Amino acid sequence: MSASQGLLVCWALLVSLSAGTVLAGAAGLWLVVLLLAASKAWLIADGFMELRHAPWGWRLMLLGWAVVLVLLIGVIC
């Protein structure tokens, strides 16, 4: 798969996850919204930012931040 095809696949997945987030939010399924948000953060980091091959420290910091935010929002709500 070429780089441009990979980006198109990432984009299509992000659109699908965004639509799912809106639908889950409208249905009041907040846990699903948080899980979809974490999935989107992971896809952005590995797909668009291409940190898939970056050192583990960078990936851990970026993906860890998304998990921390999801956990904080989940605890607050």
N, C-alpha and C. Protein backbone atom coordinates (compact mmCIF):
# COMPACT_ATOMS: atom_id res chain seq x y z
N MET A 1 0.86 -1.17 0.00
CA MET A 1 0.00 0.00 0.00
C MET A 1 0.91 1.24 0.00
N SER A 2 0.61 2.17 -0.88
CA SER A 2 1.41 3.39 -0.95
C SER A 2 1.07 4.32 0.21
N ALA A 3 1.90 5.33 0.39
CA ALA A 3 1.69 6.28 1.49
C ALA A 3 0.37 7.02 1.33
N SER A 4 0.04 7.41 0.11
CA SER A 4 -1.21 8.15 -0.09
C SER A 4 -2.42 7.26 0.14
N GLN A 5 -2.33 5.99 -0.22
CA GLN A 5 -3.43 5.07 0.05
C GLN A 5 -3.59 4.85 1.55
N GLY A 6 -2.48 4.76 2.26
CA GLY A 6 -2.53 4.61 3.71
C GLY A 6 -3.19 5.80 4.37
N LEU A 7 -2.88 7.00 3.89
CA LEU A 7 -3.51 8.20 4.45
C LEU A 7 -5.00 8.24 4.16
N LEU A 8 -5.38 7.78 2.97
CA LEU A 8 -6.81 7.74 2.64
C LEU A 8 -7.56 6.75 3.54
N VAL A 9 -6.93 5.62 3.82
CA VAL A 9 -7.54 4.64 4.73
C VAL A 9 -7.68 5.24 6.13
N CYS A 10 -6.61 5.92 6.60
CA CYS A 10 -6.68 6.59 7.91
C CYS A 10 -7.79 7.61 7.93
N TRP A 11 -7.89 8.40 6.88
CA TRP A 11 -8.92 9.42 6.82
C TRP A 11 -10.32 8.79 6.87
N ALA A 12 -10.51 7.72 6.10
CA ALA A 12 -11.82 7.05 6.09
C ALA A 12 -12.16 6.48 7.47
N LEU A 13 -11.17 5.91 8.13
CA LEU A 13 -11.41 5.39 9.48
C LEU A 13 -11.72 6.51 10.46
N LEU A 14 -11.02 7.64 10.33
CA LEU A 14 -11.30 8.77 11.22
C LEU A 14 -12.71 9.32 10.99
N VAL A 15 -13.15 9.37 9.76
CA VAL A 15 -14.51 9.82 9.47
C VAL A 15 -15.52 8.86 10.11
N SER A 16 -15.27 7.57 9.96
CA SER A 16 -16.17 6.57 10.55
C SER A 16 -16.20 6.67 12.07
N LEU A 17 -15.03 6.81 12.68
CA LEU A 17 -14.98 6.94 14.13
C LEU A 17 -15.66 8.23 14.61
N SER A 18 -15.50 9.30 13.84
CA SER A 18 -16.16 10.56 14.20
C SER A 18 -17.67 10.43 14.12
N ALA A 19 -18.16 9.79 13.08
CA ALA A 19 -19.60 9.57 12.95
C ALA A 19 -20.10 8.69 14.09
N GLY A 20 -19.33 7.67 14.42
CA GLY A 20 -19.71 6.80 15.54
C GLY A 20 -19.73 7.55 16.86
N THR A 21 -18.79 8.48 17.04
CA THR A 21 -18.76 9.29 18.25
C THR A 21 -20.01 10.14 18.37
N VAL A 22 -20.42 10.75 17.27
CA VAL A 22 -21.63 11.59 17.27
C VAL A 22 -22.86 10.74 17.58
N LEU A 23 -22.96 9.60 16.94
CA LEU A 23 -24.13 8.73 17.17
C LEU A 23 -24.16 8.19 18.60
N ALA A 24 -22.99 7.80 19.12
CA ALA A 24 -22.94 7.30 20.49
C ALA A 24 -23.26 8.40 21.48
N GLY A 25 -22.79 9.61 21.22
CA GLY A 25 -23.10 10.74 22.09
C GLY A 25 -24.58 11.08 22.08
N ALA A 26 -25.20 11.00 20.91
CA ALA A 26 -26.63 11.28 20.81
C ALA A 26 -27.45 10.23 21.55
N ALA A 27 -26.92 9.00 21.61
CA ALA A 27 -27.62 7.92 22.31
C ALA A 27 -27.29 7.89 23.79
N GLY A 28 -26.37 8.75 24.22
CA GLY A 28 -26.00 8.80 25.63
C GLY A 28 -25.04 7.71 26.06
N LEU A 29 -24.35 7.11 25.13
CA LEU A 29 -23.39 6.04 25.44
C LEU A 29 -22.00 6.65 25.65
N TRP A 30 -21.78 7.23 26.81
CA TRP A 30 -20.57 8.01 27.04
C TRP A 30 -19.31 7.17 27.11
N LEU A 31 -19.42 5.94 27.58
CA LEU A 31 -18.25 5.07 27.60
C LEU A 31 -17.79 4.78 26.17
N VAL A 32 -18.74 4.57 25.28
CA VAL A 32 -18.41 4.32 23.87
C VAL A 32 -17.76 5.56 23.25
N VAL A 33 -18.27 6.74 23.61
CA VAL A 33 -17.69 7.99 23.11
C VAL A 33 -16.24 8.09 23.54
N LEU A 34 -15.95 7.79 24.80
CA LEU A 34 -14.57 7.87 25.29
C LEU A 34 -13.67 6.84 24.62
N LEU A 35 -14.17 5.65 24.41
CA LEU A 35 -13.37 4.63 23.73
C LEU A 35 -13.10 4.99 22.27
N LEU A 36 -14.09 5.56 21.62
CA LEU A 36 -13.88 5.99 20.23
C LEU A 36 -12.90 7.15 20.17
N ALA A 37 -12.94 8.04 21.14
CA ALA A 37 -11.99 9.16 21.18
C ALA A 37 -10.56 8.65 21.37
N ALA A 38 -10.38 7.66 22.23
CA ALA A 38 -9.05 7.08 22.41
C ALA A 38 -8.59 6.38 21.13
N SER A 39 -9.50 5.73 20.44
CA SER A 39 -9.16 5.07 19.17
C SER A 39 -8.74 6.09 18.13
N LYS A 40 -9.44 7.21 18.10
CA LYS A 40 -9.08 8.27 17.14
C LYS A 40 -7.70 8.83 17.46
N ALA A 41 -7.39 9.01 18.73
CA ALA A 41 -6.07 9.52 19.11
C ALA A 41 -4.98 8.56 18.67
N TRP A 42 -5.22 7.27 18.87
CA TRP A 42 -4.24 6.27 18.46
C TRP A 42 -4.05 6.27 16.94
N LEU A 43 -5.15 6.37 16.20
CA LEU A 43 -5.08 6.39 14.74
C LEU A 43 -4.36 7.63 14.23
N ILE A 44 -4.60 8.77 14.85
CA ILE A 44 -3.92 9.99 14.45
C ILE A 44 -2.42 9.88 14.70
N ALA A 45 -2.06 9.36 15.87
CA ALA A 45 -0.64 9.24 16.22
C ALA A 45 0.08 8.26 15.30
N ASP A 46 -0.49 7.10 15.11
CA ASP A 46 0.19 6.08 14.30
C ASP A 46 0.00 6.27 12.81
N GLY A 47 -1.15 6.77 12.39
CA GLY A 47 -1.43 6.90 10.96
C GLY A 47 -0.97 8.20 10.37
N PHE A 48 -1.54 9.31 10.85
CA PHE A 48 -1.22 10.60 10.25
C PHE A 48 0.14 11.13 10.67
N MET A 49 0.46 11.01 11.95
CA MET A 49 1.74 11.53 12.44
C MET A 49 2.88 10.54 12.18
N GLU A 50 2.53 9.33 11.76
CA GLU A 50 3.47 8.27 11.41
C GLU A 50 4.47 7.99 12.52
N LEU A 51 3.96 7.91 13.75
CA LEU A 51 4.81 7.56 14.88
C LEU A 51 4.90 6.06 15.09
N ARG A 52 4.37 5.32 14.15
CA ARG A 52 4.37 3.86 14.23
C ARG A 52 5.79 3.32 14.38
N HIS A 53 6.75 3.97 13.74
CA HIS A 53 8.14 3.50 13.77
C HIS A 53 9.03 4.40 14.63
N ALA A 54 8.42 5.28 15.38
CA ALA A 54 9.18 6.19 16.25
C ALA A 54 9.63 5.44 17.50
N PRO A 55 10.59 6.01 18.21
CA PRO A 55 10.99 5.38 19.48
C PRO A 55 9.79 5.25 20.43
N TRP A 56 9.82 4.19 21.25
CA TRP A 56 8.69 3.89 22.12
C TRP A 56 8.38 5.03 23.09
N GLY A 57 9.39 5.78 23.49
CA GLY A 57 9.16 6.88 24.42
C GLY A 57 8.22 7.93 23.85
N TRP A 58 8.43 8.28 22.59
CA TRP A 58 7.57 9.28 21.94
C TRP A 58 6.15 8.77 21.80
N ARG A 59 6.04 7.53 21.36
CA ARG A 59 4.70 6.95 21.19
C ARG A 59 3.98 6.84 22.53
N LEU A 60 4.72 6.41 23.55
CA LEU A 60 4.13 6.26 24.87
C LEU A 60 3.63 7.59 25.42
N MET A 61 4.41 8.65 25.22
CA MET A 61 3.99 9.96 25.70
C MET A 61 2.72 10.43 24.99
N LEU A 62 2.68 10.31 23.68
CA LEU A 62 1.55 10.82 22.92
C LEU A 62 0.29 9.98 23.17
N LEU A 63 0.43 8.66 23.12
CA LEU A 63 -0.73 7.80 23.35
C LEU A 63 -1.13 7.78 24.82
N GLY A 64 -0.16 7.91 25.71
CA GLY A 64 -0.46 7.97 27.13
C GLY A 64 -1.26 9.20 27.49
N TRP A 65 -0.95 10.31 26.84
CA TRP A 65 -1.70 11.55 27.09
C TRP A 65 -3.17 11.37 26.73
N ALA A 66 -3.44 10.71 25.62
CA ALA A 66 -4.83 10.47 25.22
C ALA A 66 -5.54 9.58 26.24
N VAL A 67 -4.86 8.57 26.73
CA VAL A 67 -5.46 7.68 27.72
C VAL A 67 -5.73 8.44 29.02
N VAL A 68 -4.78 9.28 29.44
CA VAL A 68 -4.97 10.08 30.66
C VAL A 68 -6.19 10.99 30.52
N LEU A 69 -6.33 11.65 29.37
CA LEU A 69 -7.48 12.52 29.17
C LEU A 69 -8.79 11.75 29.20
N VAL A 70 -8.83 10.60 28.55
CA VAL A 70 -10.05 9.78 28.54
C VAL A 70 -10.38 9.33 29.97
N LEU A 71 -9.37 8.91 30.73
CA LEU A 71 -9.63 8.49 32.10
C LEU A 71 -10.11 9.65 32.97
N LEU A 72 -9.50 10.83 32.82
CA LEU A 72 -9.93 11.98 33.59
C LEU A 72 -11.37 12.37 33.27
N ILE A 73 -11.69 12.40 32.01
CA ILE A 73 -13.06 12.75 31.61
C ILE A 73 -14.03 11.69 32.10
N GLY A 74 -13.62 10.42 32.02
CA GLY A 74 -14.48 9.35 32.50
C GLY A 74 -14.74 9.42 33.99
N VAL A 75 -13.73 9.82 34.76
CA VAL A 75 -13.89 9.93 36.20
C VAL A 75 -14.75 11.14 36.55
N ILE A 76 -14.55 12.24 35.85
CA ILE A 76 -15.30 13.46 36.13
C ILE A 76 -16.78 13.29 35.78
N CYS A 77 -17.06 12.65 34.65
CA CYS A 77 -18.46 12.48 34.23
C CYS A 77 -18.97 11.24 34.85
